[in-house]
C-alpha atoms as a PDB file:
ATOM      1  CA  GLN A   1     111.445  72.142   7.245  1.00  0.00           C
ATOM      2  CA  VAL A   2     111.683  75.285   5.020  1.00  0.00           C
ATOM      3  CA  GLN A   3     111.607  78.049   7.254  1.00  0.00           C
ATOM      4  CA  LEU A   4     111.751  81.897   6.523  1.00  0.00           C
ATOM      5  CA  VAL A   5     111.954  84.554   9.548  1.00  0.00           C
ATOM      6  CA  GLU A   6     111.386  88.151   8.187  1.00  0.00           C
ATOM      7  CA  SER A   7     112.658  91.157  10.986  1.00  0.00           C
ATOM      8  CA  GLY A   8     113.080  94.674  10.979  1.00  0.00           C
ATOM      9  CA  GLY A   9     109.599  96.273  10.616  1.00  0.00           C
ATOM     10  CA  GLY A  10     108.134  98.952  12.772  1.00  0.00           C
ATOM     11  CA  LEU A  11     106.632 102.493  13.104  1.00  0.00           C
ATOM     12  CA  VAL A  12     108.221 104.682  11.142  1.00  0.00           C
ATOM     13  CA  GLN A  13     107.906 109.159  10.776  1.00  0.00           C
ATOM     14  CA  ALA A  14     107.282 110.140   6.724  1.00  0.00           C
ATOM     15  CA  GLY A  15     110.493 110.270   5.102  1.00  0.00           C
ATOM     16  CA  GLY A  16     112.799 107.219   6.923  1.00  0.00           C
ATOM     17  CA  SER A  17     114.463 104.490   6.614  1.00  0.00           C
ATOM     18  CA  LEU A  18     114.229 100.768   7.154  1.00  0.00           C
ATOM     19  CA  ARG A  19     115.882  97.973   7.026  1.00  0.00           C
ATOM     20  CA  LEU A  20     114.034  94.154   6.630  1.00  0.00           C
ATOM     21  CA  SER A  21     115.768  90.595   6.708  1.00  0.00           C
ATOM     22  CA  CYS A  22     114.527  88.076   6.403  1.00  0.00           C
ATOM     23  CA  ALA A  23     115.940  84.435   7.455  1.00  0.00           C
ATOM     24  CA  ALA A  24     116.040  81.075   5.806  1.00  0.00           C
ATOM     25  CA  SER A  25     116.258  77.844   6.430  1.00  0.00           C
ATOM     26  CA  GLY A  26     115.158  74.295   4.327  1.00  0.00           C
ATOM     27  CA  ILE A  27     116.053  74.851   1.324  1.00  0.00           C
ATOM     28  CA  ILE A  28     118.637  75.453  -1.092  1.00  0.00           C
ATOM     29  CA  PHE A  29     118.707  79.175  -0.752  1.00  0.00           C
ATOM     30  CA  SER A  30     122.059  80.660  -3.137  1.00  0.00           C
ATOM     31  CA  VAL A  31     119.722  79.027  -6.009  1.00  0.00           C
ATOM     32  CA  ASN A  32     116.604  80.843  -5.016  1.00  0.00           C
ATOM     33  CA  THR A  33     114.673  83.575  -6.334  1.00  0.00           C
ATOM     34  CA  MET A  34     113.984  85.318  -3.533  1.00  0.00           C
ATOM     35  CA  ASP A  35     111.215  87.789  -3.239  1.00  0.00           C
ATOM     36  CA  TRP A  36     109.482  90.551  -0.659  1.00  0.00           C
ATOM     37  CA  TYR A  37     105.701  90.549  -1.191  1.00  0.00           C
ATOM     38  CA  ARG A  38     103.518  93.438   1.212  1.00  0.00           C
ATOM     39  CA  GLN A  39      99.516  93.380   1.851  1.00  0.00           C
ATOM     40  CA  ALA A  40      97.795  96.201   3.112  1.00  0.00           C
ATOM     41  CA  PRO A  41      94.233  95.768   4.986  1.00  0.00           C
ATOM     42  CA  GLY A  42      91.347  95.436   2.170  1.00  0.00           C
ATOM     43  CA  LYS A  43      94.139  94.648  -0.169  1.00  0.00           C
ATOM     44  CA  GLN A  44      95.286  91.968  -2.566  1.00  0.00           C
ATOM     45  CA  ARG A  45      99.186  90.838  -1.777  1.00  0.00           C
ATOM     46  CA  GLU A  46     102.117  92.206  -3.740  1.00  0.00           C
ATOM     47  CA  LEU A  47     104.902  92.131  -5.028  1.00  0.00           C
ATOM     48  CA  VAL A  48     107.310  94.398  -4.022  1.00  0.00           C
ATOM     49  CA  ALA A  49     110.874  93.254  -5.254  1.00  0.00           C
ATOM     50  CA  ALA A  50     112.831  90.319  -6.637  1.00  0.00           C
ATOM     51  CA  ILE A  51     116.608  88.404  -6.703  1.00  0.00           C
ATOM     52  CA  SER A  52     117.875  85.738  -8.376  1.00  0.00           C
ATOM     53  CA  SER A  53     120.245  83.685  -7.601  1.00  0.00           C
ATOM     54  CA  SER A  54     122.861  86.199 -10.006  1.00  0.00           C
ATOM     55  CA  GLY A  55     121.497  88.852  -8.602  1.00  0.00           C
ATOM     56  CA  SER A  56     119.512  90.232 -11.261  1.00  0.00           C
ATOM     57  CA  THR A  57     116.595  92.392  -9.227  1.00  0.00           C
ATOM     58  CA  ASN A  58     113.150  93.364  -9.646  1.00  0.00           C
ATOM     59  CA  TYR A  59     111.295  96.541  -8.192  1.00  0.00           C
ATOM     60  CA  ALA A  60     107.215  97.177  -8.111  1.00  0.00           C
ATOM     61  CA  ASP A  61     107.095 100.934 -10.366  1.00  0.00           C
ATOM     62  CA  SER A  62     105.831 102.436  -6.559  1.00  0.00           C
ATOM     63  CA  VAL A  63     109.408 101.085  -5.321  1.00  0.00           C
ATOM     64  CA  GLN A  64     111.635 101.768  -7.846  1.00  0.00           C
ATOM     65  CA  GLY A  65     114.699 103.952  -7.003  1.00  0.00           C
ATOM     66  CA  ARG A  66     113.991 104.169  -2.671  1.00  0.00           C
ATOM     67  CA  PHE A  67     113.844 100.448  -2.000  1.00  0.00           C
ATOM     68  CA  THR A  68     117.181  97.987  -2.648  1.00  0.00           C
ATOM     69  CA  ILE A  69     116.861  94.131  -2.290  1.00  0.00           C
ATOM     70  CA  SER A  70     119.701  92.272  -1.669  1.00  0.00           C
ATOM     71  CA  ARG A  71     120.820  89.012  -0.719  1.00  0.00           C
ATOM     72  CA  ASP A  72     124.032  87.586   1.589  1.00  0.00           C
ATOM     73  CA  ASN A  73     124.081  84.018   0.096  1.00  0.00           C
ATOM     74  CA  PRO A  74     126.713  82.674   3.447  1.00  0.00           C
ATOM     75  CA  LYS A  75     124.023  83.467   5.571  1.00  0.00           C
ATOM     76  CA  ASN A  76     120.689  82.282   3.558  1.00  0.00           C
ATOM     77  CA  THR A  77     119.200  86.196   4.565  1.00  0.00           C
ATOM     78  CA  VAL A  78     118.078  88.535   1.771  1.00  0.00           C
ATOM     79  CA  TYR A  79     117.393  92.300   2.716  1.00  0.00           C
ATOM     80  CA  LEU A  80     114.792  95.010   1.647  1.00  0.00           C
ATOM     81  CA  GLN A  81     116.200  98.575   2.216  1.00  0.00           C
ATOM     82  CA  MET A  82     113.342 100.684   2.624  1.00  0.00           C
ATOM     83  CA  ASN A  83     113.990 104.905   2.010  1.00  0.00           C
ATOM     84  CA  SER A  84     112.288 107.352   1.765  1.00  0.00           C
ATOM     85  CA  LEU A  85     109.526 105.854   3.080  1.00  0.00           C
ATOM     86  CA  LYS A  86     106.118 107.161   2.348  1.00  0.00           C
ATOM     87  CA  PRO A  87     102.334 106.263   4.262  1.00  0.00           C
ATOM     88  CA  GLU A  88     100.823 104.091   1.632  1.00  0.00           C
ATOM     89  CA  ASP A  89     104.004 102.301   2.160  1.00  0.00           C
ATOM     90  CA  THR A  90     102.627 100.869   5.436  1.00  0.00           C
ATOM     91  CA  SER A  91     101.727  96.992   5.345  1.00  0.00           C
ATOM     92  CA  ALA A  92     102.648  94.134   6.248  1.00  0.00           C
ATOM     93  CA  TYR A  93     105.976  92.513   4.524  1.00  0.00           C
ATOM     94  CA  TYR A  94     106.375  88.956   3.447  1.00  0.00           C
ATOM     95  CA  CYS A  95     109.289  87.287   2.538  1.00  0.00           C
ATOM     96  CA  HIS A  96     108.868  84.395  -0.615  1.00  0.00           C
ATOM     97  CA  VAL A  97     110.481  81.649  -1.894  1.00  0.00           C
ATOM     98  CA  LEU A  98     109.691  79.388  -4.923  1.00  0.00           C
ATOM     99  CA  GLN A  99     111.796  76.402  -4.792  1.00  0.00           C
ATOM    100  CA  TRP A 100     110.421  73.083  -7.024  1.00  0.00           C
ATOM    101  CA  GLY A 101     107.240  74.166  -7.214  1.00  0.00           C
ATOM    102  CA  GLN A 102     106.252  75.052  -3.858  1.00  0.00           C
ATOM    103  CA  SER A 103     105.244  78.431  -2.402  1.00  0.00           C
ATOM    104  CA  TYR A 104     106.813  79.519   0.989  1.00  0.00           C
ATOM    105  CA  TRP A 105     106.068  82.278   2.983  1.00  0.00           C
ATOM    106  CA  GLY A 106     107.189  84.055   5.664  1.00  0.00           C
ATOM    107  CA  GLN A 107     105.091  84.989   8.865  1.00  0.00           C
ATOM    108  CA  GLY A 108     105.049  88.488   7.859  1.00  0.00           C
ATOM    109  CA  THR A 109     106.594  91.943   9.319  1.00  0.00           C
ATOM    110  CA  GLN A 110     104.540  95.385   9.715  1.00  0.00           C
ATOM    111  CA  VAL A 111     105.718  98.432   8.288  1.00  0.00           C
ATOM    112  CA  THR A 112     103.559 101.527   9.651  1.00  0.00           C
ATOM    113  CA  VAL A 113     104.938 104.772   8.149  1.00  0.00           C
ATOM    114  CA  SER A 114     103.688 107.973   9.911  1.00  0.00           C
ATOM    115  CA  SER A 115     102.738 111.501   7.873  1.00  0.00           C
END
């Protein structure tokens, strides 16, 4: 059974930092691209960052230069380091993986950035 468990969300002031973690189980972690998405109330879920099995990364324009995605294959964990946070980064953040055509999501972790 696939499980993605996010942690690390919270309340932070604008300009601050948070690091999100996503611990995965039930998947062949090292061969899969791992993603972080976010969804604010009333808005569509959007891709924030992705990291391939080889370590190549991709970012949304809105977070480029402020967020860093990384992975630790022995720990089956993907991270999202978020710096210089802005109020518009306030969202629920979700970990995601697509394995063998099946999409899996974590339960989400809330990030709230106060101005």
